[in-house]
């Protein structure tokens, strides 16, 4: 058995987050939303170029809460993508401000950082072909 670490994101509006991640990041829904009796999304799974994450609406009663907008991010989601610049164009066209890049950052490759509208911090990485990652 091989272990796998899959992020499970909490957001305040899962339906809006699904739409944003699909439309802007180009993610696909790989496990359809499970809607709870109260109308909240209890679980959904998305993937971006094979990188998968799970997500649900906030459930404060279960100590599952979205990031605070006025506080720094405790976790960064690092994802390898084939075109950092193209993805950054879509992110900024959607009104999101980049915190870094896109820029070359040897030996990592082409990188960029942004915080999505739901409070999650993303680090995009486009490796340089033939260069071994640290």
N, C-alpha and C. Protein backbone atom coordinates (compact mmCIF):
# COMPACT_ATOMS: atom_id res chain seq x y z
N UNK A 1 0.84 -1.18 0.00
CA UNK A 1 0.00 0.00 0.00
C UNK A 1 0.89 1.25 0.00
N UNK A 2 0.52 2.21 -0.81
CA UNK A 2 1.22 3.48 -0.86
C UNK A 2 0.37 4.54 -0.18
N UNK A 3 0.96 5.28 0.74
CA UNK A 3 0.22 6.36 1.40
C UNK A 3 0.04 7.52 0.45
N UNK A 4 -0.99 8.28 0.67
CA UNK A 4 -1.28 9.45 -0.15
C UNK A 4 -1.77 10.56 0.76
N UNK A 5 -1.27 11.77 0.53
CA UNK A 5 -1.72 12.93 1.29
C UNK A 5 -2.56 13.78 0.36
N UNK A 6 -3.84 13.94 0.69
CA UNK A 6 -4.77 14.71 -0.14
C UNK A 6 -5.34 15.84 0.71
N UNK A 7 -5.13 17.10 0.30
CA UNK A 7 -5.70 18.21 1.07
C UNK A 7 -7.22 18.15 1.10
N UNK A 8 -7.78 18.56 2.22
CA UNK A 8 -9.24 18.65 2.37
C UNK A 8 -9.53 20.10 2.74
N UNK A 9 -10.01 20.88 1.78
CA UNK A 9 -10.22 22.31 1.97
C UNK A 9 -11.60 22.61 2.53
N UNK A 10 -11.64 23.60 3.40
CA UNK A 10 -12.89 24.12 3.93
C UNK A 10 -13.10 25.50 3.32
N UNK A 11 -14.31 25.74 2.83
CA UNK A 11 -14.67 27.04 2.26
C UNK A 11 -16.03 27.47 2.78
N UNK A 12 -16.29 28.76 2.71
CA UNK A 12 -17.59 29.27 3.17
C UNK A 12 -18.70 29.10 2.13
N UNK A 13 -18.34 28.89 0.85
CA UNK A 13 -19.33 28.72 -0.20
C UNK A 13 -18.79 27.71 -1.21
N UNK A 14 -19.04 26.43 -0.95
CA UNK A 14 -18.47 25.37 -1.79
C UNK A 14 -18.96 25.45 -3.22
N UNK A 15 -20.20 25.82 -3.44
CA UNK A 15 -20.70 25.91 -4.82
C UNK A 15 -19.93 26.97 -5.61
N UNK A 16 -19.69 28.12 -5.00
CA UNK A 16 -18.92 29.18 -5.67
C UNK A 16 -17.47 28.74 -5.85
N UNK A 17 -16.92 28.04 -4.88
CA UNK A 17 -15.54 27.57 -4.98
C UNK A 17 -15.40 26.54 -6.10
N UNK A 18 -16.33 25.62 -6.19
CA UNK A 18 -16.30 24.64 -7.28
C UNK A 18 -16.29 25.36 -8.62
N UNK A 19 -17.19 26.31 -8.77
CA UNK A 19 -17.29 27.07 -10.03
C UNK A 19 -15.98 27.79 -10.33
N UNK A 20 -15.38 28.45 -9.32
CA UNK A 20 -14.15 29.20 -9.53
C UNK A 20 -13.00 28.26 -9.88
N UNK A 21 -12.86 27.16 -9.15
CA UNK A 21 -11.76 26.24 -9.41
C UNK A 21 -11.89 25.60 -10.80
N UNK A 22 -13.10 25.32 -11.23
CA UNK A 22 -13.31 24.74 -12.56
C UNK A 22 -13.08 25.80 -13.64
N UNK A 23 -13.73 26.96 -13.50
CA UNK A 23 -13.64 28.00 -14.54
C UNK A 23 -12.27 28.65 -14.62
N UNK A 24 -11.66 28.93 -13.48
CA UNK A 24 -10.41 29.70 -13.47
C UNK A 24 -9.19 28.78 -13.48
N UNK A 25 -9.13 27.81 -12.59
CA UNK A 25 -7.97 26.94 -12.54
C UNK A 25 -7.99 25.85 -13.61
N UNK A 26 -9.18 25.55 -14.11
CA UNK A 26 -9.29 24.47 -15.08
C UNK A 26 -9.42 23.11 -14.43
N UNK A 27 -9.81 23.10 -13.16
CA UNK A 27 -9.99 21.84 -12.43
C UNK A 27 -11.22 21.10 -12.97
N UNK A 28 -11.29 19.84 -12.63
CA UNK A 28 -12.48 19.07 -12.97
C UNK A 28 -13.03 18.44 -11.70
N UNK A 29 -14.33 18.31 -11.64
CA UNK A 29 -14.98 17.64 -10.51
C UNK A 29 -14.84 16.15 -10.77
N UNK A 30 -14.16 15.45 -9.86
CA UNK A 30 -13.95 14.01 -10.03
C UNK A 30 -14.83 13.17 -9.10
N UNK A 31 -15.46 13.82 -8.15
CA UNK A 31 -16.45 13.17 -7.28
C UNK A 31 -17.52 14.21 -7.03
N UNK A 32 -18.70 13.98 -7.54
CA UNK A 32 -19.78 14.96 -7.48
C UNK A 32 -20.12 15.36 -6.04
N UNK A 33 -20.58 16.60 -5.85
CA UNK A 33 -20.89 17.07 -4.50
C UNK A 33 -21.96 16.22 -3.80
N UNK A 34 -21.70 15.96 -2.53
CA UNK A 34 -22.70 15.36 -1.66
C UNK A 34 -23.33 16.53 -0.91
N UNK A 35 -24.62 16.71 -1.10
CA UNK A 35 -25.32 17.83 -0.47
C UNK A 35 -26.03 17.31 0.78
N UNK A 36 -25.77 18.00 1.88
CA UNK A 36 -26.33 17.62 3.17
C UNK A 36 -27.77 18.10 3.29
N UNK A 37 -28.53 17.59 4.26
CA UNK A 37 -29.92 18.01 4.44
C UNK A 37 -30.08 19.53 4.64
N UNK A 38 -29.04 20.19 5.19
CA UNK A 38 -29.14 21.64 5.40
C UNK A 38 -28.77 22.43 4.14
N UNK A 39 -28.48 21.72 3.03
CA UNK A 39 -28.16 22.38 1.77
C UNK A 39 -26.67 22.62 1.55
N UNK A 40 -25.85 22.41 2.58
CA UNK A 40 -24.42 22.62 2.43
C UNK A 40 -23.78 21.44 1.69
N UNK A 41 -22.68 21.75 1.01
CA UNK A 41 -21.90 20.69 0.38
C UNK A 41 -21.09 20.01 1.46
N UNK A 42 -21.33 18.73 1.67
CA UNK A 42 -20.63 17.97 2.70
C UNK A 42 -19.34 17.36 2.20
N UNK A 43 -19.23 17.21 0.86
CA UNK A 43 -18.02 16.61 0.29
C UNK A 43 -18.06 16.76 -1.22
N UNK A 44 -16.91 17.07 -1.80
CA UNK A 44 -16.72 17.09 -3.25
C UNK A 44 -15.23 16.87 -3.49
N UNK A 45 -14.89 16.32 -4.63
CA UNK A 45 -13.48 16.13 -4.96
C UNK A 45 -13.20 16.74 -6.33
N UNK A 46 -12.06 17.45 -6.41
CA UNK A 46 -11.64 18.09 -7.64
C UNK A 46 -10.22 17.67 -7.97
N UNK A 47 -9.83 17.88 -9.23
CA UNK A 47 -8.46 17.57 -9.65
C UNK A 47 -8.02 18.59 -10.68
N UNK A 48 -6.73 18.89 -10.63
CA UNK A 48 -6.09 19.79 -11.59
C UNK A 48 -4.88 19.06 -12.15
N UNK A 49 -4.95 18.68 -13.41
CA UNK A 49 -3.86 17.93 -14.03
C UNK A 49 -3.47 16.72 -13.18
N UNK A 50 -4.45 16.05 -12.59
CA UNK A 50 -4.20 14.86 -11.79
C UNK A 50 -3.96 15.11 -10.32
N UNK A 51 -3.70 16.36 -9.93
CA UNK A 51 -3.51 16.69 -8.51
C UNK A 51 -4.90 16.86 -7.89
N UNK A 52 -5.21 16.03 -6.91
CA UNK A 52 -6.56 15.95 -6.37
C UNK A 52 -6.66 16.63 -5.00
N UNK A 53 -7.84 17.20 -4.73
CA UNK A 53 -8.14 17.70 -3.39
C UNK A 53 -9.62 17.50 -3.11
N UNK A 54 -9.94 17.45 -1.83
CA UNK A 54 -11.32 17.32 -1.36
C UNK A 54 -11.73 18.66 -0.78
N UNK A 55 -13.04 18.87 -0.68
CA UNK A 55 -13.51 20.17 -0.20
C UNK A 55 -14.93 20.03 0.34
N UNK A 56 -15.28 20.92 1.25
CA UNK A 56 -16.64 20.96 1.79
C UNK A 56 -16.92 22.36 2.31
N UNK A 57 -18.20 22.64 2.49
CA UNK A 57 -18.60 23.88 3.15
C UNK A 57 -18.17 23.82 4.61
N UNK A 58 -18.02 24.98 5.20
CA UNK A 58 -17.67 25.07 6.62
C UNK A 58 -18.75 24.42 7.47
N UNK A 59 -18.31 23.76 8.51
CA UNK A 59 -19.20 23.16 9.51
C UNK A 59 -18.61 23.50 10.88
N UNK A 60 -18.84 24.73 11.36
CA UNK A 60 -18.25 25.16 12.65
C UNK A 60 -18.58 24.21 13.80
N UNK A 61 -19.74 23.56 13.74
CA UNK A 61 -20.12 22.63 14.81
C UNK A 61 -19.21 21.41 14.85
N UNK A 62 -18.48 21.17 13.75
CA UNK A 62 -17.53 20.06 13.68
C UNK A 62 -16.08 20.55 13.71
N UNK A 63 -15.89 21.82 14.08
CA UNK A 63 -14.56 22.46 14.10
C UNK A 63 -13.90 22.43 12.72
N UNK A 64 -14.70 22.60 11.68
CA UNK A 64 -14.21 22.64 10.30
C UNK A 64 -14.58 24.00 9.74
N UNK A 65 -13.59 24.91 9.70
CA UNK A 65 -13.88 26.29 9.33
C UNK A 65 -12.94 26.79 8.25
N UNK A 66 -13.45 27.69 7.43
CA UNK A 66 -12.68 28.28 6.33
C UNK A 66 -11.60 29.22 6.87
N UNK A 67 -10.56 29.46 6.06
CA UNK A 67 -9.51 30.40 6.47
C UNK A 67 -10.08 31.80 6.72
N UNK A 68 -9.48 32.50 7.65
CA UNK A 68 -9.88 33.88 7.92
C UNK A 68 -9.23 34.80 6.90
N UNK A 69 -10.01 35.69 6.28
CA UNK A 69 -9.45 36.56 5.22
C UNK A 69 -8.42 37.56 5.73
N UNK A 70 -8.46 37.90 7.01
CA UNK A 70 -7.55 38.91 7.55
C UNK A 70 -6.33 38.29 8.24
N UNK A 71 -6.07 37.03 7.94
CA UNK A 71 -4.97 36.31 8.58
C UNK A 71 -4.16 35.57 7.52
N UNK A 72 -2.88 35.44 7.74
CA UNK A 72 -2.03 34.71 6.80
C UNK A 72 -2.43 33.24 6.69
N UNK A 73 -2.03 32.64 5.60
CA UNK A 73 -2.36 31.23 5.36
C UNK A 73 -1.41 30.32 6.13
N UNK A 74 -1.96 29.31 6.77
CA UNK A 74 -1.16 28.35 7.53
C UNK A 74 -0.61 27.25 6.63
N UNK A 75 -1.23 27.04 5.48
CA UNK A 75 -0.84 25.98 4.56
C UNK A 75 -0.81 26.55 3.15
N UNK A 76 0.16 26.09 2.36
CA UNK A 76 0.23 26.45 0.95
C UNK A 76 0.05 25.19 0.13
N UNK A 77 -0.79 25.28 -0.89
CA UNK A 77 -1.02 24.16 -1.80
C UNK A 77 -0.06 24.29 -2.97
N UNK A 78 0.92 23.40 -3.06
CA UNK A 78 1.92 23.43 -4.13
C UNK A 78 1.44 22.50 -5.24
N UNK A 79 1.29 23.04 -6.44
CA UNK A 79 0.82 22.21 -7.55
C UNK A 79 1.70 22.46 -8.78
N UNK A 80 2.08 21.37 -9.42
CA UNK A 80 2.87 21.43 -10.64
C UNK A 80 1.90 21.55 -11.82
N UNK A 81 2.14 22.54 -12.67
CA UNK A 81 1.26 22.78 -13.81
C UNK A 81 2.11 22.92 -15.08
N UNK A 82 1.51 22.68 -16.24
CA UNK A 82 2.28 22.76 -17.48
C UNK A 82 2.52 24.19 -17.98
N UNK A 83 1.71 25.16 -17.51
CA UNK A 83 1.82 26.54 -18.02
C UNK A 83 1.48 27.54 -16.92
N UNK A 84 2.48 27.92 -16.13
CA UNK A 84 2.27 28.88 -15.04
C UNK A 84 1.72 30.20 -15.57
N UNK A 85 2.30 30.72 -16.64
CA UNK A 85 1.88 32.02 -17.16
C UNK A 85 0.42 32.02 -17.61
N UNK A 86 0.03 30.98 -18.33
CA UNK A 86 -1.36 30.89 -18.79
C UNK A 86 -2.34 30.81 -17.64
N UNK A 87 -1.99 30.02 -16.63
CA UNK A 87 -2.86 29.91 -15.46
C UNK A 87 -2.92 31.22 -14.70
N UNK A 88 -1.79 31.92 -14.59
CA UNK A 88 -1.78 33.23 -13.93
C UNK A 88 -2.63 34.25 -14.69
N UNK A 89 -2.63 34.17 -16.00
CA UNK A 89 -3.49 35.07 -16.79
C UNK A 89 -4.95 34.85 -16.43
N UNK A 90 -5.37 33.59 -16.29
CA UNK A 90 -6.77 33.30 -15.93
C UNK A 90 -7.08 33.75 -14.50
N UNK A 91 -6.13 33.52 -13.59
CA UNK A 91 -6.32 33.90 -12.18
C UNK A 91 -6.48 35.41 -12.06
N UNK A 92 -5.60 36.17 -12.71
CA UNK A 92 -5.68 37.63 -12.60
C UNK A 92 -6.88 38.18 -13.36
N UNK A 93 -7.27 37.55 -14.47
CA UNK A 93 -8.47 37.97 -15.21
C UNK A 93 -9.72 37.79 -14.35
N UNK A 94 -9.67 36.84 -13.42
CA UNK A 94 -10.79 36.60 -12.51
C UNK A 94 -10.77 37.55 -11.31
N UNK A 95 -9.77 38.46 -11.27
CA UNK A 95 -9.73 39.45 -10.20
C UNK A 95 -8.85 39.10 -9.02
N UNK A 96 -8.11 38.01 -9.11
CA UNK A 96 -7.23 37.61 -8.02
C UNK A 96 -5.85 38.22 -8.22
N UNK A 97 -5.30 38.76 -7.17
CA UNK A 97 -3.99 39.40 -7.22
C UNK A 97 -2.91 38.36 -6.92
N UNK A 98 -1.87 38.37 -7.72
CA UNK A 98 -0.75 37.47 -7.47
C UNK A 98 0.12 38.03 -6.35
N UNK A 99 0.59 37.16 -5.47
CA UNK A 99 1.50 37.57 -4.41
C UNK A 99 2.95 37.48 -4.89
N UNK A 100 3.17 36.68 -5.93
CA UNK A 100 4.52 36.49 -6.46
C UNK A 100 4.41 35.98 -7.89
N UNK A 101 5.28 36.48 -8.75
CA UNK A 101 5.43 35.97 -10.10
C UNK A 101 4.32 36.38 -11.05
N UNK A 102 4.27 35.68 -12.17
CA UNK A 102 5.10 34.54 -12.50
C UNK A 102 6.54 34.97 -12.75
N UNK A 103 7.45 34.10 -12.30
CA UNK A 103 8.87 34.41 -12.42
C UNK A 103 9.68 33.13 -12.48
N UNK A 104 10.89 33.26 -13.01
CA UNK A 104 11.80 32.13 -13.02
C UNK A 104 12.49 32.06 -11.67
N UNK A 105 12.55 30.85 -11.11
CA UNK A 105 13.15 30.65 -9.80
C UNK A 105 13.98 29.36 -9.83
N UNK A 106 15.21 29.48 -10.40
CA UNK A 106 16.04 28.28 -10.50
C UNK A 106 16.36 27.71 -9.12
N UNK A 107 16.42 26.41 -8.95
CA UNK A 107 16.20 25.39 -9.97
C UNK A 107 14.75 24.93 -10.05
N UNK A 108 13.84 25.56 -9.32
CA UNK A 108 12.45 25.11 -9.28
C UNK A 108 11.77 25.23 -10.63
N UNK A 109 12.07 26.30 -11.37
CA UNK A 109 11.43 26.52 -12.65
C UNK A 109 10.64 27.82 -12.63
N UNK A 110 9.54 27.84 -13.31
CA UNK A 110 8.66 29.01 -13.38
C UNK A 110 7.66 28.89 -12.23
N UNK A 111 7.51 29.94 -11.43
CA UNK A 111 6.66 29.86 -10.24
C UNK A 111 5.75 31.08 -10.12
N UNK A 112 4.70 30.93 -9.34
CA UNK A 112 3.80 32.03 -8.99
C UNK A 112 3.04 31.64 -7.74
N UNK A 113 2.59 32.65 -6.99
CA UNK A 113 1.84 32.42 -5.75
C UNK A 113 0.64 33.34 -5.73
N UNK A 114 -0.50 32.83 -5.29
CA UNK A 114 -1.69 33.66 -5.11
C UNK A 114 -2.56 33.05 -4.01
N UNK A 115 -3.43 33.88 -3.48
CA UNK A 115 -4.43 33.43 -2.51
C UNK A 115 -5.78 33.51 -3.20
N UNK A 116 -6.47 32.39 -3.27
CA UNK A 116 -7.74 32.35 -4.00
C UNK A 116 -8.84 33.08 -3.23
N UNK A 117 -9.98 33.33 -3.86
CA UNK A 117 -11.06 34.08 -3.19
C UNK A 117 -11.63 33.40 -1.94
N UNK A 118 -11.24 32.16 -1.70
CA UNK A 118 -11.77 31.41 -0.57
C UNK A 118 -10.75 31.28 0.56
N UNK A 119 -9.61 31.99 0.39
CA UNK A 119 -8.62 32.09 1.45
C UNK A 119 -7.47 31.12 1.38
N UNK A 120 -7.44 30.27 0.36
CA UNK A 120 -6.38 29.27 0.26
C UNK A 120 -5.24 29.77 -0.61
N UNK A 121 -4.01 29.52 -0.14
CA UNK A 121 -2.78 29.99 -0.80
C UNK A 121 -2.25 28.89 -1.72
N UNK A 122 -1.99 29.26 -2.97
CA UNK A 122 -1.52 28.32 -3.98
C UNK A 122 -0.13 28.72 -4.45
N UNK A 123 0.75 27.74 -4.62
CA UNK A 123 2.08 27.93 -5.19
C UNK A 123 2.12 27.11 -6.48
N UNK A 124 2.18 27.81 -7.61
CA UNK A 124 2.23 27.14 -8.90
C UNK A 124 3.67 26.92 -9.31
N UNK A 125 3.96 25.77 -9.87
CA UNK A 125 5.32 25.44 -10.29
C UNK A 125 5.30 24.76 -11.65
N UNK A 126 6.07 25.32 -12.58
CA UNK A 126 6.27 24.73 -13.90
C UNK A 126 7.75 24.38 -13.99
N UNK A 127 8.09 23.11 -13.75
CA UNK A 127 9.50 22.71 -13.75
C UNK A 127 10.16 22.94 -15.11
N UNK A 128 11.46 23.16 -15.08
CA UNK A 128 12.25 23.28 -16.30
C UNK A 128 12.55 21.85 -16.77
N UNK A 129 12.25 21.55 -18.02
CA UNK A 129 12.54 20.18 -18.51
C UNK A 129 14.02 19.83 -18.34
N UNK A 130 14.27 18.63 -17.85
CA UNK A 130 15.64 18.16 -17.68
C UNK A 130 16.34 18.59 -16.41
N UNK A 131 15.69 19.44 -15.61
CA UNK A 131 16.29 19.89 -14.35
C UNK A 131 15.65 19.11 -13.21
N UNK A 132 16.46 18.48 -12.40
CA UNK A 132 15.98 17.70 -11.27
C UNK A 132 15.52 18.66 -10.16
N UNK A 133 14.33 18.41 -9.64
CA UNK A 133 13.77 19.23 -8.57
C UNK A 133 14.47 18.90 -7.25
N UNK A 134 14.67 19.91 -6.40
CA UNK A 134 15.31 19.64 -5.10
C UNK A 134 14.42 18.81 -4.20
